[in-house]
Amino acid sequence: MDNHQVEHDGTWEALETMDEVRRIARKSRGERSFTDIVGGSPALRDALRQVEVVAPTDSTVLILGETGTGKELVARAIHDRSGRRERTIVKVNCGTLPPALLESELFGHERGAFTHAIAQKIGRFELAHGGTLFLDEVGELPLELQPKLLRVLQDWEFERLGGTRTIKVDVRLVAATNRDLAQMVRERRFRDDLYYRLNVFPIHVPPLRERPEDIEALARHFVVRFAARMNRPIELIPPKTIEAMRRYSWPGNVRELENLIERAIILSPGQTLDVPLGDVERRPSDGGIADGTASLDRMTRMHVVRVLNESNWTVGGRHGAAVRLGMHRTTLQSLMKRLGLSRPPDGALPAPRHPSPSA
């Protein structure tokens, strides 16, 4: 992976290893390592400076930012720079569980507290004792649970579901949301007293469209990661690809960019990263696809189906689709399974085609 290249000012330079990418990012920020947080833009530097300021304290932090901006990475950076770094950081996603299960997940329950509660369960607050609890998507917290969370933040004590014993904990709370909590308070969908408890030290994580100067470093970071994982010989990132990615609005932010690079590596048969520029040269407001992940899945599916059709749906072998796509047969089979692709009936297959000389 030491020979990967990217063009700067018309010349090709070696694409760095993952450690080198991170070292350059740290140097551009003038700061010590932030694991997996890549970039040196002013907007990102401002956010990371706030991390450095608040991390050594035990103050509650509210991380604000759009979906896919890396709020969990910021939460982990806060924990890693705190006095609690030797203990664990426990994560709870408030948007993935129904209220009854979320309450049990946070505070635990006693045996017999409800149907199917056949054993005692330790909640995440107890598991995080001495460490950090990260409440992701806190804006999705049901109204009926908000008073109980408020009590914990005020007194650091609670009872398990079905229990009477008061449990005291020592936890540092970090919360994150992509919602406008102040607006939710005005609409009476979020308690104002809980909002003020959470909003002790807000940190705004900038969206990718506000830090276009970081896109090249992020792209190189993901190319190195996925090329190594897939054992693909990607060595070049065309400058037109970097420029197109800088112009794109990235509604899915860093997560969308990561997905794009992973799929591009899967579909790149040679040493040059082959990104379908049509997907990044249109902004959603100009008729592009708003859901970046769905768009990339459709792109991947169309490309794989085309190659399968050209190969008469032969996956392996010298002239099979796997060879044409530059991947192992088992990798293509896994990709087909994920995309829901299966060989059509023989009568529906296109006429066999001989592979082109460039295949």
Protein backbone atom coordinates (compact mmCIF):
# COMPACT_ATOMS: atom_id res chain seq x y z
CA MET A 1 0.00 0.00 0.00
CA ASP A 2 3.03 2.30 0.00
CA ASN A 3 2.83 3.04 -3.73
CA HIS A 4 -0.66 4.53 -3.93
CA GLN A 5 -0.68 7.88 -5.68
CA VAL A 6 -2.73 11.05 -5.88
CA GLU A 7 -2.18 14.09 -8.05
CA HIS A 8 -1.27 17.50 -6.60
CA ASP A 9 -0.72 20.44 -8.96
CA GLY A 10 -0.34 18.15 -11.96
CA THR A 11 2.16 15.74 -10.38
CA TRP A 12 1.57 12.29 -8.94
CA GLU A 13 2.53 11.71 -5.32
CA ALA A 14 2.44 8.49 -3.31
CA LEU A 15 -0.79 7.74 -1.51
CA GLU A 16 0.21 7.35 2.13
CA THR A 17 -0.44 4.41 4.39
CA MET A 18 -3.23 4.83 6.95
CA ASP A 19 -0.77 5.96 9.64
CA GLU A 20 0.71 8.54 7.28
CA VAL A 21 -2.74 9.87 6.36
CA ARG A 22 -3.50 10.36 10.04
CA ARG A 23 -0.09 11.95 10.70
CA ILE A 24 -0.65 14.51 7.93
CA ALA A 25 -4.14 15.26 9.29
CA ARG A 26 -2.68 15.81 12.76
CA LYS A 27 0.04 18.07 11.38
CA SER A 28 -2.48 20.15 9.42
CA ARG A 29 -4.50 20.63 12.61
CA GLY A 30 -1.44 21.27 14.75
CA GLU A 31 -2.90 18.89 17.35
CA ARG A 32 -2.32 15.44 18.76
CA SER A 33 -4.01 12.39 17.33
CA PHE A 34 -7.79 12.23 16.93
CA THR A 35 -8.41 8.58 16.06
CA ASP A 36 -10.21 8.27 12.71
CA ILE A 37 -11.07 11.98 12.56
CA VAL A 38 -9.45 13.10 9.31
CA GLY A 39 -9.20 16.66 8.04
CA GLY A 40 -7.64 20.02 8.73
CA SER A 41 -10.30 22.53 7.68
CA PRO A 42 -10.97 25.56 9.90
CA ALA A 43 -14.49 24.34 10.66
CA LEU A 44 -13.23 20.95 11.84
CA ARG A 45 -10.33 22.48 13.78
CA ASP A 46 -12.79 24.69 15.68
CA ALA A 47 -14.83 21.65 16.72
CA LEU A 48 -11.76 19.69 17.80
CA ARG A 49 -10.44 22.62 19.81
CA GLN A 50 -13.69 22.55 21.76
CA VAL A 51 -13.17 18.82 22.32
CA GLU A 52 -9.73 19.54 23.80
CA VAL A 53 -11.18 22.19 26.10
CA VAL A 54 -14.11 20.21 27.51
CA ALA A 55 -12.68 16.67 27.53
CA PRO A 56 -10.68 16.94 30.82
CA THR A 57 -13.82 18.11 32.69
CA ASP A 58 -16.78 15.98 33.70
CA SER A 59 -19.28 18.40 32.14
CA THR A 60 -22.14 17.10 30.01
CA VAL A 61 -21.54 17.61 26.29
CA LEU A 62 -24.17 17.88 23.55
CA ILE A 63 -22.81 17.08 20.09
CA LEU A 64 -24.86 18.62 17.29
CA GLY A 65 -24.61 17.78 13.61
CA GLU A 66 -26.26 16.28 10.59
CA THR A 67 -26.47 12.54 9.99
CA GLY A 68 -23.14 11.05 8.96
CA THR A 69 -20.89 13.85 10.19
CA GLY A 70 -19.03 11.69 12.72
CA LYS A 71 -20.67 12.62 16.03
CA GLU A 72 -19.81 9.25 17.59
CA LEU A 73 -16.13 9.76 16.72
CA VAL A 74 -16.24 13.11 18.51
CA ALA A 75 -17.84 11.45 21.55
CA ARG A 76 -15.07 8.86 21.64
CA ALA A 77 -12.44 11.59 21.33
CA ILE A 78 -13.94 13.34 24.35
CA HIS A 79 -13.83 10.12 26.35
CA ASP A 80 -10.26 9.30 25.26
CA ARG A 81 -9.05 12.70 26.49
CA SER A 82 -10.89 12.58 29.79
CA GLY A 83 -9.86 11.29 33.19
CA ARG A 84 -12.24 8.38 32.56
CA ARG A 85 -10.36 7.04 29.56
CA GLU A 86 -9.22 3.92 31.46
CA ARG A 87 -12.87 2.96 31.94
CA THR A 88 -15.39 2.10 29.26
CA ILE A 89 -17.55 4.27 27.04
CA VAL A 90 -21.05 2.81 26.76
CA LYS A 91 -23.28 3.69 23.80
CA VAL A 92 -27.08 3.75 23.62
CA ASN A 93 -28.97 4.69 20.45
CA CYS A 94 -32.21 6.29 21.62
CA GLY A 95 -33.82 6.01 18.20
CA THR A 96 -33.66 2.24 17.70
CA LEU A 97 -35.73 0.86 20.60
CA PRO A 98 -39.38 1.27 21.67
CA PRO A 99 -39.90 3.19 24.94
CA ALA A 100 -40.35 0.14 27.20
CA LEU A 101 -37.20 -1.55 25.95
CA LEU A 102 -35.24 1.70 25.97
CA GLU A 103 -36.09 2.30 29.63
CA SER A 104 -34.88 -1.19 30.50
CA GLU A 105 -31.75 -0.67 28.38
CA LEU A 106 -30.89 2.56 30.19
CA PHE A 107 -31.83 1.73 33.76
CA GLY A 108 -32.03 -2.06 33.88
CA HIS A 109 -34.82 -4.18 35.37
CA GLU A 110 -35.45 -6.69 38.12
CA ARG A 111 -36.59 -10.23 37.55
CA GLY A 112 -40.36 -10.29 37.03
CA ALA A 113 -40.59 -6.56 36.32
CA PHE A 114 -42.57 -7.33 33.17
CA THR A 115 -43.45 -10.26 30.92
CA HIS A 116 -40.37 -12.20 29.84
CA ALA A 117 -38.19 -10.48 32.47
CA ILE A 118 -36.85 -13.83 33.66
CA ALA A 119 -33.60 -12.45 35.07
CA GLN A 120 -32.16 -9.25 36.44
CA LYS A 121 -30.69 -6.91 33.83
CA ILE A 122 -28.01 -4.31 34.49
CA GLY A 123 -28.71 -1.08 32.63
CA ARG A 124 -26.30 1.03 30.62
CA PHE A 125 -26.01 3.69 33.32
CA GLU A 126 -24.67 1.06 35.73
CA LEU A 127 -22.38 -0.40 33.08
CA ALA A 128 -20.95 3.07 32.46
CA HIS A 129 -20.20 3.70 36.17
CA GLY A 130 -16.83 5.43 36.38
CA GLY A 131 -16.80 5.95 32.61
CA THR A 132 -18.79 7.72 29.90
CA LEU A 133 -22.33 7.12 28.64
CA PHE A 134 -22.94 8.21 25.05
CA LEU A 135 -26.62 8.80 24.25
CA ASP A 136 -26.85 8.89 20.47
CA GLU A 137 -29.94 10.35 18.78
CA VAL A 138 -31.08 11.81 22.10
CA GLY A 139 -33.68 13.85 20.21
CA GLU A 140 -35.59 10.60 19.69
CA LEU A 141 -35.95 10.00 23.44
CA PRO A 142 -39.68 9.49 24.19
CA LEU A 143 -41.36 12.17 26.30
CA GLU A 144 -42.35 9.63 28.95
CA LEU A 145 -38.67 8.75 29.58
CA GLN A 146 -37.35 12.29 29.68
CA PRO A 147 -38.25 12.96 33.37
CA LYS A 148 -36.37 9.85 34.47
CA LEU A 149 -33.27 10.86 32.48
CA LEU A 150 -33.55 14.37 33.94
CA ARG A 151 -33.55 12.93 37.46
CA VAL A 152 -30.38 10.97 36.76
CA LEU A 153 -28.65 14.08 35.42
CA GLN A 154 -29.70 16.04 38.51
CA ASP A 155 -29.03 13.48 41.25
CA TRP A 156 -27.13 10.64 39.51
CA GLU A 157 -29.48 8.09 41.00
CA PHE A 158 -32.34 5.90 39.76
CA GLU A 159 -34.18 2.62 40.36
CA ARG A 160 -34.27 -0.34 38.03
CA LEU A 161 -37.63 -1.20 36.49
CA GLY A 162 -39.56 -3.20 39.06
CA GLY A 163 -37.04 -2.36 41.79
CA THR A 164 -37.15 -0.25 44.94
CA ARG A 165 -33.44 0.12 45.70
CA THR A 166 -31.96 3.46 44.68
CA ILE A 167 -28.75 3.07 42.69
CA LYS A 168 -26.16 5.85 42.57
CA VAL A 169 -23.75 6.13 39.66
CA ASP A 170 -20.76 8.23 38.67
CA VAL A 171 -21.12 8.77 34.92
CA ARG A 172 -20.01 11.42 32.44
CA LEU A 173 -22.79 11.98 29.90
CA VAL A 174 -22.19 12.83 26.24
CA ALA A 175 -25.26 13.14 24.02
CA ALA A 176 -25.65 13.66 20.28
CA THR A 177 -28.48 14.57 17.96
CA ASN A 178 -29.18 15.67 14.41
CA ARG A 179 -32.40 17.34 15.57
CA ASP A 180 -32.99 20.98 16.47
CA LEU A 181 -33.71 20.45 20.17
CA ALA A 182 -34.50 24.12 20.76
CA GLN A 183 -37.23 23.92 18.12
CA MET A 184 -38.49 20.67 19.64
CA VAL A 185 -38.74 22.45 23.01
CA ARG A 186 -40.83 25.21 21.40
CA GLU A 187 -43.07 22.52 19.89
CA ARG A 188 -43.34 20.80 23.31
CA ARG A 189 -41.76 17.61 21.94
CA PHE A 190 -38.75 17.89 24.24
CA ARG A 191 -38.62 19.03 27.86
CA ASP A 192 -36.98 22.40 28.31
CA ASP A 193 -35.44 21.45 31.66
CA LEU A 194 -33.84 18.35 30.12
CA TYR A 195 -32.61 20.39 27.17
CA TYR A 196 -30.84 22.83 29.49
CA ARG A 197 -29.28 19.92 31.40
CA LEU A 198 -27.94 18.42 28.17
CA ASN A 199 -26.86 21.69 26.58
CA VAL A 200 -24.09 22.48 29.07
CA PHE A 201 -21.34 22.46 26.44
CA PRO A 202 -22.58 22.17 22.84
CA ILE A 203 -20.19 21.18 20.06
CA HIS A 204 -21.27 21.59 16.44
CA VAL A 205 -19.77 19.06 14.02
CA PRO A 206 -19.70 20.73 10.58
CA PRO A 207 -21.31 19.02 7.58
CA LEU A 208 -19.01 17.94 4.77
CA ARG A 209 -20.26 20.68 2.44
CA GLU A 210 -18.80 23.22 4.90
CA ARG A 211 -15.38 21.55 4.83
CA PRO A 212 -14.69 20.70 1.16
CA GLU A 213 -10.96 21.08 1.73
CA ASP A 214 -11.12 17.86 3.82
CA ILE A 215 -12.64 15.72 1.06
CA GLU A 216 -9.34 14.73 -0.55
CA ALA A 217 -7.81 13.64 2.77
CA LEU A 218 -10.95 11.69 3.65
CA ALA A 219 -11.03 10.03 0.23
CA ARG A 220 -7.39 8.97 0.57
CA HIS A 221 -8.10 7.69 4.09
CA PHE A 222 -10.98 5.49 2.87
CA VAL A 223 -9.09 4.30 -0.23
CA VAL A 224 -6.21 3.09 1.93
CA ARG A 225 -8.57 1.39 4.38
CA PHE A 226 -10.78 -0.43 1.89
CA ALA A 227 -8.07 -1.26 -0.64
CA ALA A 228 -6.09 -2.99 2.10
CA ARG A 229 -9.17 -4.80 3.40
CA MET A 230 -10.16 -6.05 -0.07
CA ASN A 231 -6.58 -6.57 -1.28
CA ARG A 232 -7.25 -4.33 -4.28
CA PRO A 233 -4.35 -2.60 -6.11
CA ILE A 234 -5.81 0.93 -6.18
CA GLU A 235 -2.96 3.34 -6.87
CA LEU A 236 -4.47 6.42 -8.54
CA ILE A 237 -7.21 8.90 -7.67
CA PRO A 238 -7.93 10.98 -10.80
CA PRO A 239 -7.88 14.73 -10.13
CA LYS A 240 -11.26 15.12 -11.89
CA THR A 241 -12.71 12.75 -9.30
CA ILE A 242 -11.41 14.85 -6.41
CA GLU A 243 -12.73 18.01 -8.04
CA ALA A 244 -16.18 16.49 -8.63
CA MET A 245 -16.35 15.29 -5.03
CA ARG A 246 -15.45 18.77 -3.78
CA ARG A 247 -18.35 20.27 -5.74
CA TYR A 248 -20.93 17.77 -4.48
CA SER A 249 -23.18 18.75 -1.53
CA TRP A 250 -22.88 15.39 0.33
CA PRO A 251 -26.33 15.11 1.96
CA GLY A 252 -25.10 11.95 3.72
CA ASN A 253 -21.84 13.65 4.77
CA VAL A 254 -18.75 11.58 5.65
CA ARG A 255 -20.76 8.34 5.80
CA GLU A 256 -21.93 8.89 2.21
CA LEU A 257 -18.36 9.58 1.07
CA GLU A 258 -17.17 6.42 2.84
CA ASN A 259 -19.85 4.35 1.10
CA LEU A 260 -18.98 5.89 -2.26
CA ILE A 261 -15.28 5.04 -1.91
CA GLU A 262 -16.00 1.47 -0.77
CA ARG A 263 -18.28 0.83 -3.74
CA ALA A 264 -15.86 2.51 -6.14
CA ILE A 265 -13.08 0.17 -4.98
CA ILE A 266 -15.33 -2.85 -5.48
CA LEU A 267 -16.10 -1.72 -9.02
CA SER A 268 -12.60 -0.54 -10.00
CA PRO A 269 -10.96 -3.30 -12.07
CA GLY A 270 -7.50 -1.75 -12.22
CA GLN A 271 -5.18 0.56 -10.32
CA THR A 272 -7.25 3.74 -10.80
CA LEU A 273 -10.18 4.53 -8.52
CA ASP A 274 -13.20 4.50 -10.83
CA VAL A 275 -15.91 6.67 -9.29
CA PRO A 276 -19.08 7.15 -11.41
CA LEU A 277 -18.92 10.93 -11.57
CA GLY A 278 -22.58 11.21 -12.57
CA ASP A 279 -23.48 10.41 -8.98
CA VAL A 280 -21.40 13.24 -7.53
CA GLU A 281 -21.73 15.89 -10.22
CA ARG A 282 -25.43 16.51 -9.50
CA ARG A 283 -26.64 18.08 -6.31
CA PRO A 284 -29.94 16.74 -4.92
CA SER A 285 -31.59 20.13 -5.52
CA ASP A 286 -30.65 19.84 -9.20
CA GLY A 287 -32.43 16.56 -9.72
CA GLY A 288 -29.88 14.22 -8.17
CA ILE A 289 -30.62 11.48 -5.68
CA ALA A 290 -31.18 12.77 -2.14
CA ASP A 291 -30.35 9.46 -0.52
CA GLY A 292 -26.68 8.92 -1.32
CA THR A 293 -26.60 5.33 -0.07
CA ALA A 294 -29.62 4.32 -2.15
CA SER A 295 -28.13 6.02 -5.21
CA LEU A 296 -24.85 4.14 -4.82
CA ASP A 297 -26.66 0.83 -4.36
CA ARG A 298 -28.58 1.43 -7.59
CA MET A 299 -25.38 2.36 -9.38
CA THR A 300 -23.65 -0.77 -8.12
CA ARG A 301 -26.60 -2.97 -9.07
CA MET A 302 -26.81 -1.56 -12.62
CA HIS A 303 -23.10 -2.02 -13.21
CA VAL A 304 -23.01 -5.58 -11.87
CA VAL A 305 -26.12 -6.59 -13.84
CA ARG A 306 -24.60 -5.19 -17.04
CA VAL A 307 -21.40 -7.16 -16.57
CA LEU A 308 -23.35 -10.31 -15.65
CA ASN A 309 -25.45 -9.95 -18.79
CA GLU A 310 -22.32 -9.53 -20.90
CA SER A 311 -20.95 -12.70 -19.26
CA ASN A 312 -24.20 -14.63 -19.79
CA TRP A 313 -24.53 -14.66 -15.96
CA THR A 314 -21.41 -16.77 -15.60
CA VAL A 315 -19.84 -15.72 -12.30
CA GLY A 316 -16.56 -17.65 -12.21
CA GLY A 317 -14.12 -18.88 -14.80
CA ARG A 318 -11.76 -17.20 -17.19
CA HIS A 319 -14.46 -15.15 -18.92
CA GLY A 320 -16.83 -14.85 -15.96
CA ALA A 321 -18.20 -11.64 -14.46
CA ALA A 322 -15.89 -11.82 -11.44
CA VAL A 323 -12.80 -11.54 -13.65
CA ARG A 324 -14.35 -8.68 -15.63
CA LEU A 325 -15.14 -6.85 -12.40
CA GLY A 326 -11.67 -7.49 -11.00
CA MET A 327 -12.81 -9.34 -7.89
CA HIS A 328 -12.84 -12.85 -6.49
CA ARG A 329 -15.76 -15.13 -7.37
CA THR A 330 -16.81 -15.37 -3.71
CA THR A 331 -16.70 -11.58 -3.36
CA LEU A 332 -19.01 -11.18 -6.35
CA GLN A 333 -21.35 -13.86 -5.01
CA SER A 334 -21.58 -12.02 -1.68
CA LEU A 335 -22.22 -8.74 -3.49
CA MET A 336 -24.95 -10.36 -5.61
CA LYS A 337 -26.59 -11.73 -2.47
CA ARG A 338 -26.58 -8.31 -0.82
CA LEU A 339 -28.07 -6.69 -3.93
CA GLY A 340 -30.69 -9.43 -4.30
CA LEU A 341 -29.37 -10.59 -7.68
CA SER A 342 -29.87 -14.15 -8.91
CA ARG A 343 -29.48 -15.85 -12.28
CA PRO A 344 -32.66 -15.38 -14.37
CA PRO A 345 -34.32 -18.34 -16.13
CA ASP A 346 -32.43 -19.55 -19.18
CA GLY A 347 -35.11 -18.20 -21.50
CA ALA A 348 -34.62 -14.73 -20.08
CA LEU A 349 -30.86 -14.65 -20.54
CA PRO A 350 -29.39 -12.41 -23.26
CA ALA A 351 -27.64 -13.98 -26.20
CA PRO A 352 -24.09 -15.06 -25.29
CA ARG A 353 -21.42 -12.50 -26.11
CA HIS A 354 -17.74 -13.02 -26.63
CA PRO A 355 -15.61 -10.97 -24.26
CA SER A 356 -14.06 -7.88 -25.74
CA PRO A 357 -10.27 -7.79 -26.11
CA SER A 358 -10.08 -5.35 -23.18
CA ALA A 359 -12.07 -7.60 -20.83
